[in-house]
């Protein structure tokens, strides 16, 4: 059974009341996360979202969605090491490495880009990524561009650790890295899907929409 998390930023604003904080923690009014990016699971979720929008006569505004493969990592310069690779005496900063397929990124930007197999785009939520390469799981990737922004800020809802969003050539590259011998049987690679959008409606209808969508999703 796949797990789902649906959040509604408007309910939080009742207690916080600070728009800058809300925009940072909740880049979209409706945020949905699940722990899979299997095609049949995503189709079911997207169908429920579309049906709920239709029932309320609403549109998903500024829609952002990503398939993501996440790794907890330690970083030293341009070298990223999965926790399983660490050896005694290793020193580095803790971070999250989030792999996103180019197809998902291109769907959200005005000017699509292309990548070779060994090329990546990198967005770091704490500032520019200043290295020409990125090493991870025995692969050395050439950084084609250090991005100044990412649509929806990667749908991040926390700033506890720095997050490196790495756009790779395709889903096949993500699946290849997830099968690296270092990671097998350890649960280090976490597949996921994030969907976020805003609603042009009242707070009351947004809350009702949120409750109906949450109840419609499989448990």
Foldseek 3Di string as FASTA:
>chain_A
DKDKDKDALLVVCVPVVDVVLSCVQFVFRIKMKIQADPPVQVVLLVVLLVVLCVVVVWDFALKAKWKKKKFWWWDDQQETEGPLPDDPPDDGFIEMEIETELVRQQVNDPDRDADDQQEKEKEKPVDWNPDQWHDYLNHIHGYPYTDPAGRSNNSHNDPPHIYIYIYGHGVVVVVVSCPRPSNPPPPRITIMMMMHGYIPDDPVVSVVSSVSSVVPRDD
